[in-house]
PDB file of N, CA and C in Angstrom:
ATOM      1  N   MET A   1       3.828  19.548  -4.824  1.00  0.00           N
ATOM      2  CA  MET A   1       5.019  19.834  -4.044  1.00  0.00           C
ATOM      3  C   MET A   1       4.760  19.786  -2.543  1.00  0.00           C
ATOM      4  N   ALA A   2       3.504  19.871  -2.121  1.00  0.00           N
ATOM      5  CA  ALA A   2       3.181  19.769  -0.701  1.00  0.00           C
ATOM      6  C   ALA A   2       3.549  18.387  -0.175  1.00  0.00           C
ATOM      7  N   LEU A   3       3.362  17.372  -0.993  1.00  0.00           N
ATOM      8  CA  LEU A   3       3.710  16.012  -0.588  1.00  0.00           C
ATOM      9  C   LEU A   3       5.217  15.880  -0.381  1.00  0.00           C
ATOM     10  N   ILE A   4       5.997  16.430  -1.283  1.00  0.00           N
ATOM     11  CA  ILE A   4       7.460  16.374  -1.156  1.00  0.00           C
ATOM     12  C   ILE A   4       7.897  17.087   0.123  1.00  0.00           C
ATOM     13  N   ALA A   5       7.303  18.230   0.397  1.00  0.00           N
ATOM     14  CA  ALA A   5       7.646  18.977   1.615  1.00  0.00           C
ATOM     15  C   ALA A   5       7.305  18.165   2.853  1.00  0.00           C
ATOM     16  N   ARG A   6       6.167  17.500   2.861  1.00  0.00           N
ATOM     17  CA  ARG A   6       5.761  16.677   4.005  1.00  0.00           C
ATOM     18  C   ARG A   6       6.711  15.488   4.179  1.00  0.00           C
ATOM     19  N   LEU A   7       7.092  14.856   3.088  1.00  0.00           N
ATOM     20  CA  LEU A   7       8.028  13.738   3.172  1.00  0.00           C
ATOM     21  C   LEU A   7       9.391  14.198   3.686  1.00  0.00           C
ATOM     22  N   ARG A   8       9.809  15.386   3.308  1.00  0.00           N
ATOM     23  CA  ARG A   8      11.076  15.929   3.830  1.00  0.00           C
ATOM     24  C   ARG A   8      10.976  16.195   5.329  1.00  0.00           C
ATOM     25  N   GLN A   9       9.801  16.628   5.791  1.00  0.00           N
ATOM     26  CA  GLN A   9       9.588  16.818   7.230  1.00  0.00           C
ATOM     27  C   GLN A   9       9.706  15.482   7.962  1.00  0.00           C
ATOM     28  N   ILE A  10       9.143  14.434   7.366  1.00  0.00           N
ATOM     29  CA  ILE A  10       9.235  13.105   7.968  1.00  0.00           C
ATOM     30  C   ILE A  10      10.688  12.651   8.025  1.00  0.00           C
ATOM     31  N   ASP A  11      11.443  12.888   6.952  1.00  0.00           N
ATOM     32  CA  ASP A  11      12.874  12.555   6.950  1.00  0.00           C
ATOM     33  C   ASP A  11      13.602  13.278   8.077  1.00  0.00           C
ATOM     34  N   ALA A  12      13.361  14.569   8.226  1.00  0.00           N
ATOM     35  CA  ALA A  12      14.033  15.352   9.269  1.00  0.00           C
ATOM     36  C   ALA A  12      13.656  14.835  10.653  1.00  0.00           C
ATOM     37  N   TRP A  13      12.363  14.532  10.862  1.00  0.00           N
ATOM     38  CA  TRP A  13      11.927  13.984  12.141  1.00  0.00           C
ATOM     39  C   TRP A  13      12.620  12.658  12.417  1.00  0.00           C
ATOM     40  N   ALA A  14      12.685  11.782  11.415  1.00  0.00           N
ATOM     41  CA  ALA A  14      13.275  10.462  11.600  1.00  0.00           C
ATOM     42  C   ALA A  14      14.742  10.563  11.986  1.00  0.00           C
ATOM     43  N   VAL A  15      15.482  11.423  11.322  1.00  0.00           N
ATOM     44  CA  VAL A  15      16.904  11.591  11.638  1.00  0.00           C
ATOM     45  C   VAL A  15      17.055  12.098  13.073  1.00  0.00           C
ATOM     46  N   ASP A  16      16.255  13.095  13.451  1.00  0.00           N
ATOM     47  CA  ASP A  16      16.315  13.617  14.823  1.00  0.00           C
ATOM     48  C   ASP A  16      15.978  12.532  15.843  1.00  0.00           C
ATOM     49  N   TYR A  17      14.928  11.773  15.568  1.00  0.00           N
ATOM     50  CA  TYR A  17      14.477  10.727  16.490  1.00  0.00           C
ATOM     51  C   TYR A  17      15.535   9.642  16.641  1.00  0.00           C
ATOM     52  N   ILE A  18      16.086   9.200  15.528  1.00  0.00           N
ATOM     53  CA  ILE A  18      17.112   8.150  15.572  1.00  0.00           C
ATOM     54  C   ILE A  18      18.342   8.638  16.331  1.00  0.00           C
ATOM     55  N   ALA A  19      18.758   9.875  16.075  1.00  0.00           N
ATOM     56  CA  ALA A  19      19.921  10.417  16.783  1.00  0.00           C
ATOM     57  C   ALA A  19      19.654  10.508  18.282  1.00  0.00           C
ATOM     58  N   GLU A  20      18.478  10.946  18.651  1.00  0.00           N
ATOM     59  CA  GLU A  20      18.135  11.092  20.062  1.00  0.00           C
ATOM     60  C   GLU A  20      18.029   9.739  20.782  1.00  0.00           C
ATOM     61  N   HIS A  21      17.565   8.723  20.078  1.00  0.00           N
ATOM     62  CA  HIS A  21      17.328   7.412  20.683  1.00  0.00           C
ATOM     63  C   HIS A  21      18.269   6.327  20.134  1.00  0.00           C
ATOM     64  N   SER A  22      19.418   6.730  19.619  1.00  0.00           N
ATOM     65  CA  SER A  22      20.316   5.765  18.982  1.00  0.00           C
ATOM     66  C   SER A  22      20.807   4.695  19.951  1.00  0.00           C
ATOM     67  N   ASP A  23      21.002   5.042  21.217  1.00  0.00           N
ATOM     68  CA  ASP A  23      21.435   4.034  22.193  1.00  0.00           C
ATOM     69  C   ASP A  23      20.448   2.872  22.253  1.00  0.00           C
ATOM     70  N   ARG A  24      19.174   3.194  22.329  1.00  0.00           N
ATOM     71  CA  ARG A  24      18.142   2.164  22.436  1.00  0.00           C
ATOM     72  C   ARG A  24      17.918   1.451  21.111  1.00  0.00           C
ATOM     73  N   LEU A  25      17.881   2.229  20.005  1.00  0.00           N
ATOM     74  CA  LEU A  25      17.558   1.661  18.698  1.00  0.00           C
ATOM     75  C   LEU A  25      18.723   0.909  18.061  1.00  0.00           C
ATOM     76  N   LEU A  26      19.920   1.459  18.181  1.00  0.00           N
ATOM     77  CA  LEU A  26      21.076   0.918  17.464  1.00  0.00           C
ATOM     78  C   LEU A  26      22.177   0.398  18.387  1.00  0.00           C
ATOM     79  N   LYS A  27      21.925   0.489  19.698  1.00  0.00           N
ATOM     80  CA  LYS A  27      22.878  -0.007  20.705  1.00  0.00           C
ATOM     81  C   LYS A  27      24.210   0.729  20.699  1.00  0.00           C
ATOM     82  N   LYS A  28      24.207   1.967  20.167  1.00  0.00           N
ATOM     83  CA  LYS A  28      25.395   2.819  20.257  1.00  0.00           C
ATOM     84  C   LYS A  28      24.967   4.270  20.084  1.00  0.00           C
ATOM     85  N   THR A  29      25.763   5.165  20.649  1.00  0.00           N
ATOM     86  CA  THR A  29      25.455   6.589  20.568  1.00  0.00           C
ATOM     87  C   THR A  29      25.962   7.142  19.242  1.00  0.00           C
ATOM     88  N   LEU A  30      25.056   7.755  18.485  1.00  0.00           N
ATOM     89  CA  LEU A  30      25.418   8.364  17.204  1.00  0.00           C
ATOM     90  C   LEU A  30      25.018   9.832  17.209  1.00  0.00           C
ATOM     91  N   SER A  31      25.837  10.652  16.580  1.00  0.00           N
ATOM     92  CA  SER A  31      25.487  12.066  16.412  1.00  0.00           C
ATOM     93  C   SER A  31      24.484  12.191  15.264  1.00  0.00           C
ATOM     94  N   ARG A  32      23.893  13.362  15.144  1.00  0.00           N
ATOM     95  CA  ARG A  32      22.943  13.608  14.049  1.00  0.00           C
ATOM     96  C   ARG A  32      23.634  13.417  12.697  1.00  0.00           C
ATOM     97  N   VAL A  33      24.873  13.886  12.579  1.00  0.00           N
ATOM     98  CA  VAL A  33      25.625  13.763  11.324  1.00  0.00           C
ATOM     99  C   VAL A  33      25.862  12.289  10.988  1.00  0.00           C
ATOM    100  N   GLU A  34      26.198  11.492  11.988  1.00  0.00           N
ATOM    101  CA  GLU A  34      26.414  10.067  11.749  1.00  0.00           C
ATOM    102  C   GLU A  34      25.127   9.383  11.303  1.00  0.00           C
ATOM    103  N   VAL A  35      24.011   9.767  11.907  1.00  0.00           N
ATOM    104  CA  VAL A  35      22.719   9.201  11.498  1.00  0.00           C
ATOM    105  C   VAL A  35      22.400   9.617  10.068  1.00  0.00           C
ATOM    106  N   GLU A  36      22.596  10.898   9.739  1.00  0.00           N
ATOM    107  CA  GLU A  36      22.341  11.378   8.368  1.00  0.00           C
ATOM    108  C   GLU A  36      23.161  10.591   7.351  1.00  0.00           C
ATOM    109  N   ASN A  37      24.413  10.286   7.685  1.00  0.00           N
ATOM    110  CA  ASN A  37      25.279   9.556   6.758  1.00  0.00           C
ATOM    111  C   ASN A  37      24.787   8.137   6.493  1.00  0.00           C
ATOM    112  N   GLY A  38      24.097   7.535   7.453  1.00  0.00           N
ATOM    113  CA  GLY A  38      23.605   6.182   7.279  1.00  0.00           C
ATOM    114  C   GLY A  38      22.131   6.077   6.940  1.00  0.00           C
ATOM    115  N   TYR A  39      21.449   7.202   6.889  1.00  0.00           N
ATOM    116  CA  TYR A  39      20.003   7.223   6.675  1.00  0.00           C
ATOM    117  C   TYR A  39      19.680   7.302   5.186  1.00  0.00           C
ATOM    118  N   SER A  40      18.740   6.488   4.742  1.00  0.00           N
ATOM    119  CA  SER A  40      18.258   6.563   3.353  1.00  0.00           C
ATOM    120  C   SER A  40      16.973   7.376   3.339  1.00  0.00           C
ATOM    121  N   PRO A  41      17.018   8.597   2.837  1.00  0.00           N
ATOM    122  CA  PRO A  41      15.833   9.462   2.898  1.00  0.00           C
ATOM    123  C   PRO A  41      14.712   8.992   1.978  1.00  0.00           C
ATOM    124  N   LEU A  42      13.493   9.384   2.333  1.00  0.00           N
ATOM    125  CA  LEU A  42      12.334   9.108   1.480  1.00  0.00           C
ATOM    126  C   LEU A  42      12.430   9.896   0.182  1.00  0.00           C
ATOM    127  N   VAL A  43      12.949  11.122   0.260  1.00  0.00           N
ATOM    128  CA  VAL A  43      13.033  12.015  -0.897  1.00  0.00           C
ATOM    129  C   VAL A  43      14.483  12.240  -1.273  1.00  0.00           C
ATOM    130  N   ARG A  44      14.785  12.044  -2.534  1.00  0.00           N
ATOM    131  CA  ARG A  44      16.111  12.369  -3.073  1.00  0.00           C
ATOM    132  C   ARG A  44      15.928  13.410  -4.171  1.00  0.00           C
ATOM    133  N   THR A  45      16.808  14.395  -4.188  1.00  0.00           N
ATOM    134  CA  THR A  45      16.711  15.478  -5.160  1.00  0.00           C
ATOM    135  C   THR A  45      17.856  15.363  -6.151  1.00  0.00           C
ATOM    136  N   TYR A  46      17.524  15.478  -7.422  1.00  0.00           N
ATOM    137  CA  TYR A  46      18.496  15.447  -8.518  1.00  0.00           C
ATOM    138  C   TYR A  46      18.279  16.690  -9.350  1.00  0.00           C
ATOM    139  N   GLY A  47      19.099  17.705  -9.117  1.00  0.00           N
ATOM    140  CA  GLY A  47      18.910  18.966  -9.833  1.00  0.00           C
ATOM    141  C   GLY A  47      17.579  19.581  -9.451  1.00  0.00           C
ATOM    142  N   SER A  48      16.707  19.762 -10.430  1.00  0.00           N
ATOM    143  CA  SER A  48      15.401  20.373 -10.151  1.00  0.00           C
ATOM    144  C   SER A  48      14.294  19.342  -9.974  1.00  0.00           C
ATOM    145  N   SER A  49      14.621  18.052 -10.046  1.00  0.00           N
ATOM    146  CA  SER A  49      13.595  17.021  -9.872  1.00  0.00           C
ATOM    147  C   SER A  49      13.863  16.213  -8.604  1.00  0.00           C
ATOM    148  N   ALA A  50      12.820  15.563  -8.122  1.00  0.00           N
ATOM    149  CA  ALA A  50      12.924  14.761  -6.909  1.00  0.00           C
ATOM    150  C   ALA A  50      12.307  13.397  -7.158  1.00  0.00           C
ATOM    151  N   SER A  51      12.799  12.409  -6.432  1.00  0.00           N
ATOM    152  CA  SER A  51      12.190  11.079  -6.485  1.00  0.00           C
ATOM    153  C   SER A  51      11.850  10.660  -5.061  1.00  0.00           C
ATOM    154  N   VAL A  52      10.865   9.783  -4.948  1.00  0.00           N
ATOM    155  CA  VAL A  52      10.393   9.326  -3.651  1.00  0.00           C
ATOM    156  C   VAL A  52      10.634   7.832  -3.547  1.00  0.00           C
ATOM    157  N   ARG A  53      11.182   7.413  -2.420  1.00  0.00           N
ATOM    158  CA  ARG A  53      11.465   6.013  -2.171  1.00  0.00           C
ATOM    159  C   ARG A  53      10.232   5.368  -1.550  1.00  0.00           C
ATOM    160  N   THR A  54       9.800   4.237  -2.115  1.00  0.00           N
ATOM    161  CA  THR A  54       8.642   3.531  -1.575  1.00  0.00           C
ATOM    162  C   THR A  54       8.897   2.030  -1.557  1.00  0.00           C
ATOM    163  N   LYS A  55       8.106   1.343  -0.803  1.00  0.00           N
ATOM    164  CA  LYS A  55       8.118  -0.110  -0.795  1.00  0.00           C
ATOM    165  C   LYS A  55       6.664  -0.544  -0.715  1.00  0.00           C
ATOM    166  N   ILE A  56       6.266  -1.423  -1.623  1.00  0.00           N
ATOM    167  CA  ILE A  56       4.892  -1.913  -1.643  1.00  0.00           C
ATOM    168  C   ILE A  56       4.936  -3.430  -1.584  1.00  0.00           C
ATOM    169  N   ASN A  57       4.325  -4.001  -0.562  1.00  0.00           N
ATOM    170  CA  ASN A  57       4.247  -5.461  -0.451  1.00  0.00           C
ATOM    171  C   ASN A  57       3.090  -5.945  -1.314  1.00  0.00           C
ATOM    172  N   VAL A  58       3.388  -6.765  -2.322  1.00  0.00           N
ATOM    173  CA  VAL A  58       2.342  -7.278  -3.209  1.00  0.00           C
ATOM    174  C   VAL A  58       1.984  -8.723  -2.892  1.00  0.00           C
ATOM    175  N   LYS A  59       2.696  -9.319  -1.929  1.00  0.00           N
ATOM    176  CA  LYS A  59       2.410 -10.686  -1.495  1.00  0.00           C
ATOM    177  C   LYS A  59       2.673 -10.783  -0.008  1.00  0.00           C
ATOM    178  N   GLY A  60       2.138 -11.805   0.610  1.00  0.00           N
ATOM    179  CA  GLY A  60       2.438 -12.079   2.005  1.00  0.00           C
ATOM    180  C   GLY A  60       1.400 -11.522   2.967  1.00  0.00           C
ATOM    181  N   ALA A  61       1.748 -11.578   4.250  1.00  0.00           N
ATOM    182  CA  ALA A  61       0.811 -11.198   5.309  1.00  0.00           C
ATOM    183  C   ALA A  61       0.496  -9.705   5.319  1.00  0.00           C
ATOM    184  N   ARG A  62       1.417  -8.876   4.840  1.00  0.00           N
ATOM    185  CA  ARG A  62       1.218  -7.425   4.875  1.00  0.00           C
ATOM    186  C   ARG A  62       1.000  -6.861   3.473  1.00  0.00           C
ATOM    187  N   VAL A  63       0.262  -7.600   2.664  1.00  0.00           N
ATOM    188  CA  VAL A  63       0.028  -7.210   1.282  1.00  0.00           C
ATOM    189  C   VAL A  63      -0.762  -5.891   1.219  1.00  0.00           C
ATOM    190  N   ALA A  64      -0.419  -5.064   0.252  1.00  0.00           N
ATOM    191  CA  ALA A  64      -1.124  -3.800   0.043  1.00  0.00           C
ATOM    192  C   ALA A  64      -2.501  -4.068  -0.559  1.00  0.00           C
ATOM    193  N   SER A  65      -3.412  -3.128  -0.357  1.00  0.00           N
ATOM    194  CA  SER A  65      -4.728  -3.190  -0.991  1.00  0.00           C
ATOM    195  C   SER A  65      -4.681  -2.376  -2.273  1.00  0.00           C
ATOM    196  N   PHE A  66      -5.444  -2.800  -3.264  1.00  0.00           N
ATOM    197  CA  PHE A  66      -5.448  -2.126  -4.562  1.00  0.00           C
ATOM    198  C   PHE A  66      -6.879  -1.810  -4.970  1.00  0.00           C
ATOM    199  N   TRP A  67      -7.051  -0.697  -5.676  1.00  0.00           N
ATOM    200  CA  TRP A  67      -8.350  -0.298  -6.185  1.00  0.00           C
ATOM    201  C   TRP A  67      -8.232   0.068  -7.655  1.00  0.00           C
ATOM    202  N   ASN A  68      -9.312  -0.134  -8.392  1.00  0.00           N
ATOM    203  CA  ASN A  68      -9.305   0.269  -9.798  1.00  0.00           C
ATOM    204  C   ASN A  68      -9.797   1.707  -9.920  1.00  0.00           C
ATOM    205  N   GLU A  69      -9.871   2.200 -11.150  1.00  0.00           N
ATOM    206  CA  GLU A  69     -10.253   3.592 -11.382  1.00  0.00           C
ATOM    207  C   GLU A  69     -11.690   3.895 -10.974  1.00  0.00           C
ATOM    208  N   ARG A  70     -12.522   2.874 -10.758  1.00  0.00           N
ATOM    209  CA  ARG A  70     -13.915   3.070 -10.315  1.00  0.00           C
ATOM    210  C   ARG A  70     -14.050   3.007  -8.799  1.00  0.00           C
ATOM    211  N   GLY A  71     -12.919   2.850  -8.106  1.00  0.00           N
ATOM    212  CA  GLY A  71     -12.935   2.797  -6.656  1.00  0.00           C
ATOM    213  C   GLY A  71     -13.290   1.433  -6.097  1.00  0.00           C
ATOM    214  N   GLU A  72     -13.250   0.397  -6.934  1.00  0.00           N
ATOM    215  CA  GLU A  72     -13.566  -0.959  -6.499  1.00  0.00           C
ATOM    216  C   GLU A  72     -12.264  -1.669  -6.119  1.00  0.00           C
ATOM    217  N   GLN A  73     -12.299  -2.373  -4.994  1.00  0.00           N
ATOM    218  CA  GLN A  73     -11.095  -3.085  -4.578  1.00  0.00           C
ATOM    219  C   GLN A  73     -10.826  -4.248  -5.519  1.00  0.00           C
ATOM    220  N   ILE A  74      -9.544  -4.378  -5.891  1.00  0.00           N
ATOM    221  CA  ILE A  74      -9.119  -5.527  -6.691  1.00  0.00           C
ATOM    222  C   ILE A  74      -8.145  -6.330  -5.840  1.00  0.00           C
ATOM    223  N   PHE A  75      -8.091  -7.626  -6.052  1.00  0.00           N
ATOM    224  CA  PHE A  75      -7.312  -8.480  -5.171  1.00  0.00           C
ATOM    225  C   PHE A  75      -5.982  -8.926  -5.757  1.00  0.00           C
ATOM    226  N   ASP A  76      -5.745  -8.630  -7.016  1.00  0.00           N
ATOM    227  CA  ASP A  76      -4.453  -8.914  -7.619  1.00  0.00           C
ATOM    228  C   ASP A  76      -3.745  -7.593  -7.879  1.00  0.00           C
ATOM    229  N   PRO A  77      -2.443  -7.528  -7.635  1.00  0.00           N
ATOM    230  CA  PRO A  77      -1.738  -6.272  -7.902  1.00  0.00           C
ATOM    231  C   PRO A  77      -1.749  -5.961  -9.387  1.00  0.00           C
ATOM    232  N   PRO A  78      -1.632  -4.679  -9.727  1.00  0.00           N
ATOM    233  CA  PRO A  78      -1.528  -4.318 -11.136  1.00  0.00           C
ATOM    234  C   PRO A  78      -0.335  -5.013 -11.789  1.00  0.00           C
ATOM    235  N   VAL A  79      -0.429  -5.229 -13.075  1.00  0.00           N
ATOM    236  CA  VAL A  79       0.659  -5.908 -13.761  1.00  0.00           C
ATOM    237  C   VAL A  79       1.925  -5.077 -13.693  1.00  0.00           C
ATOM    238  N   GLU A  80       3.050  -5.741 -13.750  1.00  0.00           N
ATOM    239  CA  GLU A  80       4.333  -5.061 -13.658  1.00  0.00           C
ATOM    240  C   GLU A  80       4.492  -4.070 -14.807  1.00  0.00           C
ATOM    241  N   GLY A  81       4.991  -2.885 -14.479  1.00  0.00           N
ATOM    242  CA  GLY A  81       5.232  -1.880 -15.500  1.00  0.00           C
ATOM    243  C   GLY A  81       4.118  -0.858 -15.648  1.00  0.00           C
ATOM    244  N   CYS A  82       3.009  -1.010 -14.916  1.00  0.00           N
ATOM    245  CA  CYS A  82       1.923  -0.042 -15.054  1.00  0.00           C
ATOM    246  C   CYS A  82       1.671   0.731 -13.758  1.00  0.00           C
ATOM    247  N   TRP A  83       2.609   0.707 -12.821  1.00  0.00           N
ATOM    248  CA  TRP A  83       2.418   1.373 -11.529  1.00  0.00           C
ATOM    249  C   TRP A  83       2.210   2.864 -11.663  1.00  0.00           C
ATOM    250  N   GLN A  84       2.786   3.485 -12.659  1.00  0.00           N
ATOM    251  CA  GLN A  84       2.613   4.926 -12.826  1.00  0.00           C
ATOM    252  C   GLN A  84       1.182   5.300 -13.175  1.00  0.00           C
ATOM    253  N   ASP A  85       0.375   4.345 -13.653  1.00  0.00           N
ATOM    254  CA  ASP A  85      -1.030   4.610 -13.956  1.00  0.00           C
ATOM    255  C   ASP A  85      -1.853   4.637 -12.701  1.00  0.00           C
TER     256      ASP A  85
END
């Protein structure tokens, strides 16, 4: 749960930062509420459970690095459907 709390802190910081700098970032002045309405948070809560939004580049110039269970780097991404492992 410490990770979820940290991600929520990042969400709160991002909303504050975007609202404060909306003129420069979005070319218009937005209130905090307006930013919240358009912001997609990292953490979403559904009842007593939460999910985390992620994006992993598996191809291209910004490809993620992968390691196996022995700590050895592997150069191909894990097969589709086994990310939870």
